[in-house]
Amino acid sequence: MNKVLTSFSPNRLTDSELIVLSGGACSQMNGNPHFPTPSPELITVQTATDEFLTSDEKSKTGSHQDVAIKNQKRKNLEKLLHALAVYVNLTADGDEAILLSSGFELAKKAEAVGPLDAPEGLQVKAGNARGSLSVSCKRVAGAGSYGFEYRQLQTESDNGWIRVDSTKHNILVTGLVSGGQYAFRVMAVGSNPQRNWSNEVSSFVL
């Protein structure tokens, strides 16, 4: 559902940006038929905006106390704007045109995550014991886990791929046949059900 942003922290808006946004919201919501009963009242928000503007100007050449007062005025304005933005979201009920008429910034819609890329840089090295191999690949952005698979080559009976899942991009495979040759591949696992396998890499076991 469409919504306006309800956070007005310094991490997102500078002091001057907050003043402009607050003044614009008060102006656009004043007399707006889509928002007949703003909560808090617009006069309260506008007064807080004016007080913050005054304290902001004074703090630029004032004392540490002036800066502290400015910061407190900002917190008060942020609190009022948060409540007003919540009112806007509840009243507009997802209607994008109505939300935009409030003067608040529309939150970005979450984009669907596509299939993850096939892992690159698959490497297979000798493990720390006989019959073991260390397998690794490069990290894939967005991957929650990795699905490693391996199978023994050049055998009379092909038992197919053996799966090992890991939250890390490397595993240690043990219990392999010394002198045997094995093929490996890996895929990144994310929210999208489509999987893309890496190129296969083969190695002999000590």
N, C-alpha and C. Protein backbone atom coordinates (compact mmCIF):
# COMPACT_ATOMS: atom_id res chain seq x y z
N MET A 1 0.84 -1.20 0.00
CA MET A 1 0.00 0.00 0.00
C MET A 1 0.88 1.25 0.00
N ASN A 2 0.45 2.25 -0.75
CA ASN A 2 1.17 3.52 -0.78
C ASN A 2 1.08 4.21 0.57
N LYS A 3 2.19 4.83 0.99
CA LYS A 3 2.22 5.58 2.25
C LYS A 3 3.20 6.73 2.12
N VAL A 4 3.05 7.72 3.01
CA VAL A 4 4.05 8.77 3.10
C VAL A 4 5.03 8.38 4.19
N LEU A 5 6.23 8.92 4.12
CA LEU A 5 7.24 8.63 5.13
C LEU A 5 6.85 9.25 6.46
N THR A 6 7.12 8.54 7.52
CA THR A 6 6.76 9.03 8.86
C THR A 6 7.98 9.29 9.73
N SER A 7 9.19 9.20 9.14
CA SER A 7 10.42 9.46 9.88
C SER A 7 11.01 10.79 9.41
N PHE A 8 11.43 11.60 10.37
CA PHE A 8 11.96 12.92 10.04
C PHE A 8 13.27 13.18 10.80
N SER A 9 14.03 12.14 11.00
CA SER A 9 15.27 12.22 11.78
C SER A 9 16.34 13.00 11.02
N PRO A 10 17.36 13.49 11.73
CA PRO A 10 18.47 14.20 11.08
C PRO A 10 19.22 13.35 10.07
N ASN A 11 19.12 12.03 10.21
CA ASN A 11 19.77 11.14 9.23
C ASN A 11 19.13 11.25 7.86
N ARG A 12 17.88 11.67 7.83
CA ARG A 12 17.16 11.77 6.55
C ARG A 12 16.99 13.20 6.09
N LEU A 13 16.81 14.12 7.02
CA LEU A 13 16.54 15.51 6.65
C LEU A 13 17.42 16.45 7.47
N THR A 14 18.04 17.40 6.79
CA THR A 14 18.78 18.44 7.49
C THR A 14 17.78 19.38 8.16
N ASP A 15 18.28 20.29 8.98
CA ASP A 15 17.40 21.24 9.65
C ASP A 15 16.62 22.07 8.63
N SER A 16 17.31 22.57 7.62
CA SER A 16 16.64 23.41 6.62
C SER A 16 15.63 22.60 5.81
N GLU A 17 15.96 21.35 5.49
CA GLU A 17 15.03 20.50 4.74
C GLU A 17 13.79 20.20 5.56
N LEU A 18 13.97 20.00 6.86
CA LEU A 18 12.83 19.73 7.74
C LEU A 18 11.90 20.94 7.80
N ILE A 19 12.47 22.12 7.87
CA ILE A 19 11.67 23.34 7.91
C ILE A 19 10.86 23.51 6.63
N VAL A 20 11.49 23.26 5.49
CA VAL A 20 10.80 23.39 4.20
C VAL A 20 9.68 22.36 4.09
N LEU A 21 9.96 21.13 4.48
CA LEU A 21 8.95 20.07 4.39
C LEU A 21 7.77 20.37 5.30
N SER A 22 8.06 20.76 6.53
CA SER A 22 6.99 21.03 7.48
C SER A 22 6.12 22.19 7.04
N GLY A 23 6.76 23.27 6.57
CA GLY A 23 5.99 24.41 6.08
C GLY A 23 5.15 24.06 4.87
N GLY A 24 5.72 23.22 3.98
CA GLY A 24 4.98 22.82 2.79
C GLY A 24 3.79 21.95 3.12
N ALA A 25 3.96 21.05 4.09
CA ALA A 25 2.85 20.18 4.49
C ALA A 25 1.71 21.00 5.11
N CYS A 26 2.08 21.94 5.96
CA CYS A 26 1.05 22.80 6.57
C CYS A 26 0.30 23.60 5.51
N SER A 27 1.03 24.09 4.54
CA SER A 27 0.42 24.90 3.48
C SER A 27 -0.53 24.07 2.61
N GLN A 28 -0.07 22.87 2.21
CA GLN A 28 -0.86 22.05 1.30
C GLN A 28 -2.03 21.37 1.98
N MET A 29 -1.93 21.14 3.29
CA MET A 29 -3.04 20.49 3.99
C MET A 29 -4.06 21.50 4.48
N ASN A 30 -3.69 22.77 4.53
CA ASN A 30 -4.61 23.82 4.99
C ASN A 30 -5.76 23.97 3.98
N GLY A 31 -6.96 23.66 4.40
CA GLY A 31 -8.12 23.74 3.52
C GLY A 31 -8.25 22.59 2.55
N ASN A 32 -7.38 21.61 2.65
CA ASN A 32 -7.42 20.43 1.77
C ASN A 32 -8.62 19.57 2.15
N PRO A 33 -9.58 19.38 1.24
CA PRO A 33 -10.80 18.61 1.59
C PRO A 33 -10.52 17.14 1.91
N HIS A 34 -9.38 16.64 1.48
CA HIS A 34 -9.06 15.25 1.77
C HIS A 34 -8.65 15.04 3.23
N PHE A 35 -8.28 16.13 3.90
CA PHE A 35 -7.83 16.04 5.29
C PHE A 35 -8.61 17.06 6.13
N PRO A 36 -9.87 16.75 6.43
CA PRO A 36 -10.74 17.72 7.12
C PRO A 36 -10.39 17.96 8.59
N THR A 37 -9.82 16.97 9.24
CA THR A 37 -9.53 17.12 10.68
C THR A 37 -8.10 16.70 10.99
N PRO A 38 -7.10 17.48 10.56
CA PRO A 38 -5.70 17.10 10.79
C PRO A 38 -5.42 16.90 12.28
N SER A 39 -4.64 15.88 12.58
CA SER A 39 -4.25 15.60 13.96
C SER A 39 -2.76 15.27 14.01
N PRO A 40 -1.99 16.15 14.67
CA PRO A 40 -2.36 17.36 15.42
C PRO A 40 -2.84 18.48 14.50
N GLU A 41 -3.39 19.51 15.09
CA GLU A 41 -3.88 20.64 14.30
C GLU A 41 -2.73 21.33 13.59
N LEU A 42 -3.03 21.85 12.39
CA LEU A 42 -1.98 22.46 11.58
C LEU A 42 -1.38 23.69 12.25
N ILE A 43 -2.18 24.42 13.01
CA ILE A 43 -1.66 25.60 13.69
C ILE A 43 -0.58 25.22 14.70
N THR A 44 -0.76 24.03 15.31
CA THR A 44 0.23 23.53 16.27
C THR A 44 1.53 23.18 15.57
N VAL A 45 1.41 22.54 14.42
CA VAL A 45 2.60 22.16 13.65
C VAL A 45 3.30 23.39 13.10
N GLN A 46 2.52 24.36 12.60
CA GLN A 46 3.12 25.57 12.05
C GLN A 46 3.84 26.37 13.13
N THR A 47 3.25 26.43 14.33
CA THR A 47 3.90 27.14 15.43
C THR A 47 5.22 26.48 15.80
N ALA A 48 5.23 25.15 15.84
CA ALA A 48 6.45 24.41 16.14
C ALA A 48 7.49 24.62 15.05
N THR A 49 7.04 24.74 13.82
CA THR A 49 7.95 24.99 12.70
C THR A 49 8.59 26.37 12.83
N ASP A 50 7.78 27.36 13.15
CA ASP A 50 8.29 28.73 13.31
C ASP A 50 9.28 28.82 14.47
N GLU A 51 8.97 28.13 15.56
CA GLU A 51 9.87 28.15 16.72
C GLU A 51 11.19 27.47 16.40
N PHE A 52 11.11 26.38 15.64
CA PHE A 52 12.34 25.69 15.26
C PHE A 52 13.18 26.54 14.32
N LEU A 53 12.52 27.23 13.40
CA LEU A 53 13.23 28.12 12.47
C LEU A 53 13.97 29.21 13.23
N THR A 54 13.30 29.81 14.19
CA THR A 54 13.91 30.87 14.99
C THR A 54 15.11 30.35 15.78
N SER A 55 14.93 29.20 16.42
CA SER A 55 16.01 28.63 17.23
C SER A 55 17.17 28.17 16.35
N ASP A 56 16.86 27.71 15.14
CA ASP A 56 17.91 27.28 14.21
C ASP A 56 18.78 28.47 13.80
N GLU A 57 18.16 29.58 13.48
CA GLU A 57 18.91 30.77 13.10
C GLU A 57 19.77 31.28 14.26
N LYS A 58 19.21 31.25 15.45
CA LYS A 58 19.94 31.74 16.62
C LYS A 58 21.12 30.83 16.97
N SER A 59 20.97 29.53 16.76
CA SER A 59 22.02 28.57 17.14
C SER A 59 23.26 28.70 16.27
N LYS A 60 23.12 29.27 15.09
CA LYS A 60 24.26 29.37 14.16
C LYS A 60 25.33 30.32 14.67
N THR A 61 24.93 31.28 15.47
CA THR A 61 25.90 32.24 16.03
C THR A 61 25.79 32.33 17.54
N GLY A 62 25.00 31.41 18.13
CA GLY A 62 24.75 31.48 19.56
C GLY A 62 25.63 30.55 20.39
N SER A 63 25.18 30.31 21.59
CA SER A 63 25.93 29.50 22.56
C SER A 63 25.55 28.03 22.45
N HIS A 64 26.22 27.21 23.27
CA HIS A 64 25.89 25.78 23.33
C HIS A 64 24.45 25.58 23.81
N GLN A 65 24.01 26.47 24.67
CA GLN A 65 22.64 26.39 25.16
C GLN A 65 21.64 26.65 24.02
N ASP A 66 21.98 27.58 23.15
CA ASP A 66 21.12 27.85 21.99
C ASP A 66 21.01 26.63 21.08
N VAL A 67 22.12 25.92 20.92
CA VAL A 67 22.12 24.70 20.10
C VAL A 67 21.25 23.64 20.75
N ALA A 68 21.36 23.51 22.06
CA ALA A 68 20.56 22.53 22.79
C ALA A 68 19.07 22.84 22.66
N ILE A 69 18.73 24.12 22.74
CA ILE A 69 17.32 24.52 22.58
C ILE A 69 16.84 24.20 21.18
N LYS A 70 17.69 24.49 20.18
CA LYS A 70 17.34 24.17 18.78
C LYS A 70 17.09 22.68 18.61
N ASN A 71 17.94 21.86 19.20
CA ASN A 71 17.78 20.40 19.07
C ASN A 71 16.48 19.93 19.72
N GLN A 72 16.13 20.54 20.86
CA GLN A 72 14.88 20.17 21.53
C GLN A 72 13.68 20.60 20.69
N LYS A 73 13.77 21.77 20.08
CA LYS A 73 12.68 22.25 19.21
C LYS A 73 12.51 21.32 18.01
N ARG A 74 13.63 20.80 17.51
CA ARG A 74 13.56 19.88 16.37
C ARG A 74 12.86 18.58 16.77
N LYS A 75 13.22 18.05 17.93
CA LYS A 75 12.59 16.80 18.40
C LYS A 75 11.09 16.98 18.53
N ASN A 76 10.68 18.13 19.03
CA ASN A 76 9.25 18.40 19.19
C ASN A 76 8.56 18.46 17.83
N LEU A 77 9.21 19.09 16.85
CA LEU A 77 8.64 19.18 15.51
C LEU A 77 8.59 17.81 14.85
N GLU A 78 9.64 17.03 15.01
CA GLU A 78 9.66 15.68 14.45
C GLU A 78 8.49 14.85 14.99
N LYS A 79 8.25 14.97 16.28
CA LYS A 79 7.16 14.22 16.92
C LYS A 79 5.80 14.62 16.34
N LEU A 80 5.60 15.91 16.16
CA LEU A 80 4.34 16.39 15.60
C LEU A 80 4.16 15.96 14.15
N LEU A 81 5.24 16.05 13.38
CA LEU A 81 5.16 15.64 11.97
C LEU A 81 4.91 14.15 11.84
N HIS A 82 5.50 13.37 12.72
CA HIS A 82 5.26 11.92 12.70
C HIS A 82 3.77 11.63 12.90
N ALA A 83 3.18 12.28 13.90
CA ALA A 83 1.75 12.07 14.17
C ALA A 83 0.90 12.53 12.99
N LEU A 84 1.28 13.66 12.39
CA LEU A 84 0.52 14.18 11.25
C LEU A 84 0.64 13.25 10.05
N ALA A 85 1.83 12.69 9.82
CA ALA A 85 2.02 11.77 8.70
C ALA A 85 1.23 10.49 8.91
N VAL A 86 1.15 10.02 10.14
CA VAL A 86 0.33 8.84 10.44
C VAL A 86 -1.13 9.13 10.13
N TYR A 87 -1.60 10.32 10.50
CA TYR A 87 -2.98 10.73 10.19
C TYR A 87 -3.20 10.74 8.68
N VAL A 88 -2.23 11.26 7.93
CA VAL A 88 -2.33 11.30 6.47
C VAL A 88 -2.46 9.89 5.90
N ASN A 89 -1.64 8.97 6.37
CA ASN A 89 -1.69 7.60 5.87
C ASN A 89 -3.03 6.93 6.18
N LEU A 90 -3.52 7.14 7.37
CA LEU A 90 -4.80 6.53 7.75
C LEU A 90 -5.95 7.13 6.94
N THR A 91 -5.90 8.43 6.71
CA THR A 91 -6.99 9.10 5.99
C THR A 91 -6.96 8.80 4.50
N ALA A 92 -5.79 8.80 3.91
CA ALA A 92 -5.67 8.58 2.46
C ALA A 92 -5.90 7.13 2.08
N ASP A 93 -5.64 6.21 2.98
CA ASP A 93 -5.88 4.79 2.76
C ASP A 93 -5.24 4.29 1.46
N GLY A 94 -4.00 4.73 1.21
CA GLY A 94 -3.26 4.21 0.07
C GLY A 94 -3.46 4.94 -1.23
N ASP A 95 -4.36 5.92 -1.28
CA ASP A 95 -4.60 6.67 -2.52
C ASP A 95 -3.40 7.59 -2.78
N GLU A 96 -2.65 7.31 -3.84
CA GLU A 96 -1.41 8.03 -4.11
C GLU A 96 -1.65 9.52 -4.34
N ALA A 97 -2.68 9.87 -5.08
CA ALA A 97 -2.96 11.27 -5.37
C ALA A 97 -3.27 12.05 -4.09
N ILE A 98 -4.05 11.44 -3.21
CA ILE A 98 -4.39 12.10 -1.95
C ILE A 98 -3.16 12.23 -1.06
N LEU A 99 -2.35 11.18 -1.03
CA LEU A 99 -1.12 11.23 -0.23
C LEU A 99 -0.21 12.36 -0.70
N LEU A 100 -0.03 12.48 -2.00
CA LEU A 100 0.85 13.51 -2.55
C LEU A 100 0.31 14.91 -2.29
N SER A 101 -1.02 15.05 -2.18
CA SER A 101 -1.61 16.37 -1.94
C SER A 101 -1.33 16.87 -0.53
N SER A 102 -0.80 15.98 0.33
CA SER A 102 -0.52 16.37 1.72
C SER A 102 0.76 17.18 1.86
N GLY A 103 1.63 17.10 0.87
CA GLY A 103 2.91 17.78 0.97
C GLY A 103 4.01 16.93 1.58
N PHE A 104 3.66 15.73 2.03
CA PHE A 104 4.66 14.81 2.56
C PHE A 104 5.28 13.99 1.43
N GLU A 105 6.41 13.41 1.73
CA GLU A 105 7.14 12.61 0.74
C GLU A 105 6.61 11.18 0.71
N LEU A 106 6.34 10.69 -0.47
CA LEU A 106 5.83 9.34 -0.63
C LEU A 106 6.95 8.32 -0.42
N ALA A 107 6.67 7.30 0.36
CA ALA A 107 7.66 6.25 0.59
C ALA A 107 7.84 5.44 -0.69
N LYS A 108 9.07 5.03 -0.95
CA LYS A 108 9.33 4.22 -2.13
C LYS A 108 8.74 2.83 -1.97
N LYS A 109 8.17 2.34 -3.05
CA LYS A 109 7.62 0.99 -3.01
C LYS A 109 8.75 -0.03 -3.03
N ALA A 110 8.56 -1.07 -2.28
CA ALA A 110 9.56 -2.14 -2.25
C ALA A 110 9.60 -2.82 -3.61
N GLU A 111 10.79 -2.93 -4.16
CA GLU A 111 10.94 -3.57 -5.47
C GLU A 111 11.16 -5.07 -5.30
N ALA A 112 10.53 -5.81 -6.19
CA ALA A 112 10.69 -7.26 -6.15
C ALA A 112 12.14 -7.63 -6.43
N VAL A 113 12.66 -8.55 -5.63
CA VAL A 113 14.04 -8.98 -5.81
C VAL A 113 14.08 -10.06 -6.88
N GLY A 114 14.87 -9.84 -7.91
CA GLY A 114 14.98 -10.81 -8.99
C GLY A 114 15.86 -11.98 -8.60
N PRO A 115 16.04 -12.91 -9.51
CA PRO A 115 16.89 -14.06 -9.22
C PRO A 115 18.34 -13.63 -8.99
N LEU A 116 19.00 -14.29 -8.07
CA LEU A 116 20.39 -13.97 -7.77
C LEU A 116 21.31 -14.48 -8.86
N ASP A 117 22.42 -13.79 -9.02
CA ASP A 117 23.42 -14.21 -10.01
C ASP A 117 24.04 -15.54 -9.61
N ALA A 118 24.55 -16.24 -10.61
CA ALA A 118 25.29 -17.47 -10.32
C ALA A 118 26.59 -17.10 -9.62
N PRO A 119 26.95 -17.80 -8.56
CA PRO A 119 28.21 -17.50 -7.86
C PRO A 119 29.41 -17.63 -8.80
N GLU A 120 30.38 -16.76 -8.61
CA GLU A 120 31.60 -16.81 -9.40
C GLU A 120 32.78 -17.21 -8.50
N GLY A 121 33.87 -17.55 -9.16
CA GLY A 121 35.10 -17.84 -8.43
C GLY A 121 35.06 -19.13 -7.63
N LEU A 122 34.34 -20.13 -8.11
CA LEU A 122 34.29 -21.42 -7.39
C LEU A 122 35.67 -22.05 -7.38
N GLN A 123 36.14 -22.39 -6.19
CA GLN A 123 37.45 -23.00 -6.03
C GLN A 123 37.34 -24.26 -5.18
N VAL A 124 38.13 -25.25 -5.54
CA VAL A 124 38.18 -26.50 -4.78
C VAL A 124 39.64 -26.78 -4.46
N LYS A 125 39.94 -26.90 -3.17
CA LYS A 125 41.31 -27.13 -2.72
C LYS A 125 41.34 -28.32 -1.76
N ALA A 126 42.54 -28.85 -1.59
CA ALA A 126 42.71 -29.97 -0.65
C ALA A 126 42.31 -29.55 0.75
N GLY A 127 41.63 -30.45 1.47
CA GLY A 127 41.22 -30.17 2.83
C GLY A 127 42.35 -30.39 3.82
N ASN A 128 42.01 -30.30 5.10
CA ASN A 128 43.04 -30.46 6.14
C ASN A 128 43.21 -31.91 6.57
N ALA A 129 42.56 -32.82 5.88
CA ALA A 129 42.70 -34.25 6.18
C ALA A 129 42.46 -35.05 4.91
N ARG A 130 42.94 -36.30 4.91
CA ARG A 130 42.72 -37.15 3.74
C ARG A 130 41.22 -37.34 3.53
N GLY A 131 40.83 -37.39 2.25
CA GLY A 131 39.42 -37.58 1.93
C GLY A 131 38.56 -36.35 2.11
N SER A 132 39.19 -35.18 2.13
CA SER A 132 38.42 -33.94 2.30
C SER A 132 38.83 -32.90 1.29
N LEU A 133 37.89 -32.02 0.94
CA LEU A 133 38.14 -30.92 0.02
C LEU A 133 37.48 -29.66 0.57
N SER A 134 38.19 -28.54 0.41
CA SER A 134 37.66 -27.25 0.81
C SER A 134 37.08 -26.55 -0.42
N VAL A 135 35.81 -26.15 -0.35
CA VAL A 135 35.12 -25.57 -1.49
C VAL A 135 34.65 -24.16 -1.13
N SER A 136 34.89 -23.19 -2.00
CA SER A 136 34.49 -21.81 -1.73
C SER A 136 34.13 -21.09 -3.02
N CYS A 137 33.41 -19.99 -2.88
CA CYS A 137 33.05 -19.13 -4.01
C CYS A 137 33.00 -17.70 -3.52
N LYS A 138 32.86 -16.78 -4.44
CA LYS A 138 32.73 -15.37 -4.06
C LYS A 138 31.33 -15.13 -3.50
N ARG A 139 31.22 -14.14 -2.62
CA ARG A 139 29.91 -13.80 -2.05
C ARG A 139 28.98 -13.27 -3.14
N VAL A 140 27.70 -13.53 -2.96
CA VAL A 140 26.67 -13.02 -3.87
C VAL A 140 25.77 -12.07 -3.08
N ALA A 141 25.64 -10.83 -3.54
CA ALA A 141 24.81 -9.85 -2.85
C ALA A 141 23.37 -10.33 -2.77
N GLY A 142 22.79 -10.29 -1.57
CA GLY A 142 21.40 -10.69 -1.38
C GLY A 142 21.21 -12.15 -1.04
N ALA A 143 22.28 -12.92 -1.03
CA ALA A 143 22.17 -14.35 -0.74
C ALA A 143 22.00 -14.58 0.75
N GLY A 144 21.02 -15.41 1.11
CA GLY A 144 20.83 -15.78 2.50
C GLY A 144 21.60 -17.03 2.85
N SER A 145 21.85 -17.85 1.83
CA SER A 145 22.62 -19.08 2.02
C SER A 145 23.13 -19.55 0.66
N TYR A 146 23.88 -20.64 0.69
CA TYR A 146 24.45 -21.18 -0.55
C TYR A 146 24.18 -22.69 -0.58
N GLY A 147 23.86 -23.18 -1.78
CA GLY A 147 23.64 -24.61 -1.96
C GLY A 147 24.79 -25.20 -2.75
N PHE A 148 25.65 -25.94 -2.05
CA PHE A 148 26.77 -26.61 -2.70
C PHE A 148 26.34 -28.03 -3.07
N GLU A 149 26.77 -28.48 -4.24
CA GLU A 149 26.51 -29.86 -4.65
C GLU A 149 27.79 -30.48 -5.21
N TYR A 150 27.93 -31.79 -4.99
CA TYR A 150 29.10 -32.48 -5.53
C TYR A 150 28.72 -33.91 -5.89
N ARG A 151 29.47 -34.51 -6.80
CA ARG A 151 29.27 -35.91 -7.19
C ARG A 151 30.60 -36.49 -7.65
N GLN A 152 30.74 -37.80 -7.46
CA GLN A 152 31.97 -38.47 -7.88
C GLN A 152 31.90 -38.79 -9.37
N LEU A 153 33.01 -38.54 -10.06
CA LEU A 153 33.07 -38.77 -11.50
C LEU A 153 33.71 -40.13 -11.80
N GLN A 154 33.45 -40.59 -13.01
CA GLN A 154 34.08 -41.80 -13.53
C GLN A 154 33.89 -43.00 -12.61
N THR A 155 32.64 -43.17 -12.18
CA THR A 155 32.29 -44.36 -11.40
C THR A 155 31.22 -45.15 -12.13
N GLU A 156 31.17 -46.46 -11.86
CA GLU A 156 30.19 -47.30 -12.54
C GLU A 156 28.77 -46.93 -12.14
N SER A 157 28.58 -46.58 -10.89
CA SER A 157 27.25 -46.20 -10.42
C SER A 157 27.23 -44.71 -10.08
N ASP A 158 26.43 -43.97 -10.81
CA ASP A 158 26.32 -42.53 -10.58
C ASP A 158 25.19 -42.28 -9.58
N ASN A 159 25.54 -41.89 -8.36
CA ASN A 159 24.52 -41.65 -7.33
C ASN A 159 23.95 -40.24 -7.39
N GLY A 160 24.37 -39.47 -8.39
CA GLY A 160 23.83 -38.13 -8.54
C GLY A 160 24.48 -37.13 -7.60
N TRP A 161 23.94 -35.93 -7.60
CA TRP A 161 24.51 -34.85 -6.82
C TRP A 161 24.16 -34.98 -5.34
N ILE A 162 25.11 -34.65 -4.49
CA ILE A 162 24.89 -34.61 -3.05
C ILE A 162 24.88 -33.15 -2.62
N ARG A 163 23.85 -32.75 -1.88
CA ARG A 163 23.62 -31.34 -1.54
C ARG A 163 24.14 -31.02 -0.14
N VAL A 164 24.81 -29.89 -0.02
CA VAL A 164 25.23 -29.35 1.28
C VAL A 164 24.85 -27.88 1.32
N ASP A 165 23.99 -27.49 2.25
CA ASP A 165 23.57 -26.09 2.39
C ASP A 165 24.38 -25.41 3.48
N SER A 166 24.70 -24.15 3.25
CA SER A 166 25.50 -23.40 4.21
C SER A 166 25.16 -21.92 4.15
N THR A 167 25.17 -21.26 5.31
CA THR A 167 24.97 -19.82 5.33
C THR A 167 26.25 -19.08 4.94
N LYS A 168 27.36 -19.80 4.88
CA LYS A 168 28.65 -19.23 4.48
C LYS A 168 28.92 -19.56 3.02
N HIS A 169 29.87 -18.85 2.42
CA HIS A 169 30.19 -19.10 1.02
C HIS A 169 31.37 -20.07 0.88
N ASN A 170 31.55 -20.89 1.89
CA ASN A 170 32.59 -21.93 1.83
C ASN A 170 32.20 -23.09 2.73
N ILE A 171 32.64 -24.30 2.34
CA ILE A 171 32.36 -25.50 3.13
C ILE A 171 33.56 -26.42 3.07
N LEU A 172 33.60 -27.38 3.98
CA LEU A 172 34.59 -28.44 3.97
C LEU A 172 33.85 -29.75 3.79
N VAL A 173 34.15 -30.45 2.69
CA VAL A 173 33.49 -31.72 2.41
C VAL A 173 34.42 -32.85 2.85
N THR A 174 33.92 -33.74 3.68
CA THR A 174 34.73 -34.85 4.19
C THR A 174 34.13 -36.19 3.76
N GLY A 175 34.86 -37.25 4.03
CA GLY A 175 34.37 -38.60 3.71
C GLY A 175 34.42 -38.95 2.24
N LEU A 176 35.27 -38.26 1.49
CA LEU A 176 35.40 -38.54 0.06
C LEU A 176 36.38 -39.68 -0.17
N VAL A 177 36.29 -40.30 -1.32
CA VAL A 177 37.15 -41.43 -1.67
C VAL A 177 38.52 -40.91 -2.10
N SER A 178 39.58 -41.30 -1.39
CA SER A 178 40.93 -40.86 -1.76
C SER A 178 41.28 -41.35 -3.16
N GLY A 179 41.79 -40.47 -3.96
CA GLY A 179 42.11 -40.81 -5.34
C GLY A 179 40.96 -40.62 -6.30
N GLY A 180 39.79 -40.38 -5.77
CA GLY A 180 38.60 -40.19 -6.61
C GLY A 180 38.53 -38.77 -7.15
N GLN A 181 37.80 -38.60 -8.25
CA GLN A 181 37.61 -37.28 -8.84
C GLN A 181 36.17 -36.85 -8.62
N TYR A 182 35.99 -35.62 -8.18
CA TYR A 182 34.66 -35.11 -7.88
C TYR A 182 34.40 -33.79 -8.62
N ALA A 183 33.14 -33.60 -8.97
CA ALA A 183 32.71 -32.34 -9.59
C ALA A 183 31.90 -31.55 -8.57
N PHE A 184 32.06 -30.23 -8.60
CA PHE A 184 31.35 -29.36 -7.66
C PHE A 184 30.65 -28.23 -8.40
N ARG A 185 29.57 -27.77 -7.82
CA ARG A 185 28.88 -26.59 -8.31
C ARG A 185 28.18 -25.93 -7.11
N VAL A 186 27.76 -24.68 -7.27
CA VAL A 186 27.14 -23.96 -6.16
C VAL A 186 26.13 -22.96 -6.70
N MET A 187 25.10 -22.70 -5.91
CA MET A 187 24.09 -21.69 -6.26
C MET A 187 23.83 -20.83 -5.04
N ALA A 188 23.45 -19.58 -5.27
CA ALA A 188 23.08 -18.66 -4.19
C ALA A 188 21.58 -18.77 -3.96
N VAL A 189 21.17 -18.76 -2.71
CA VAL A 189 19.76 -18.90 -2.35
C VAL A 189 19.24 -17.59 -1.78
N GLY A 190 18.17 -17.07 -2.40
CA GLY A 190 17.54 -15.84 -1.93
C GLY A 190 16.04 -15.99 -1.91
N SER A 191 15.31 -14.86 -1.87
CA SER A 191 13.85 -14.91 -1.79
C SER A 191 13.21 -15.33 -3.11
N ASN A 192 13.89 -15.07 -4.23
CA ASN A 192 13.37 -15.49 -5.53
C ASN A 192 13.61 -16.99 -5.71
N PRO A 193 12.60 -17.75 -6.15
CA PRO A 193 12.76 -19.19 -6.26
C PRO A 193 13.70 -19.66 -7.38
N GLN A 194 13.98 -18.77 -8.35
CA GLN A 194 14.86 -19.18 -9.44
C GLN A 194 16.30 -19.30 -8.95
N ARG A 195 16.98 -20.38 -9.37
CA ARG A 195 18.36 -20.62 -8.96
C ARG A 195 19.27 -20.67 -10.19
N ASN A 196 20.44 -20.08 -10.04
CA ASN A 196 21.43 -20.08 -11.11
C ASN A 196 22.71 -20.74 -10.62
N TRP A 197 23.09 -21.83 -11.29
CA TRP A 197 24.26 -22.59 -10.87
C TRP A 197 25.55 -22.00 -11.43
N SER A 198 26.59 -22.15 -10.68
CA SER A 198 27.92 -21.74 -11.13
C SER A 198 28.43 -22.76 -12.14
N ASN A 199 29.54 -22.44 -12.77
CA ASN A 199 30.21 -23.43 -13.61
C ASN A 199 30.74 -24.55 -12.72
N GLU A 200 30.80 -25.76 -13.27
CA GLU A 200 31.31 -26.89 -12.50
C GLU A 200 32.84 -26.86 -12.44
N VAL A 201 33.35 -27.28 -11.31
CA VAL A 201 34.79 -27.40 -11.10
C VAL A 201 35.06 -28.81 -10.57
N SER A 202 36.04 -29.48 -11.13
CA SER A 202 36.36 -30.84 -10.67
C SER A 202 37.73 -30.87 -10.02
N SER A 203 37.92 -31.85 -9.14
CA SER A 203 39.19 -31.98 -8.44
C SER A 203 39.36 -33.41 -7.95
N PHE A 204 40.61 -33.85 -7.86
CA PHE A 204 40.93 -35.16 -7.28
C PHE A 204 41.12 -35.01 -5.77
N VAL A 205 40.85 -36.10 -5.07
CA VAL A 205 40.96 -36.11 -3.61
C VAL A 205 42.22 -36.83 -3.19
N LEU A 206 42.97 -36.25 -2.25
CA LEU A 206 44.17 -36.89 -1.73
C LEU A 206 43.79 -38.03 -0.77
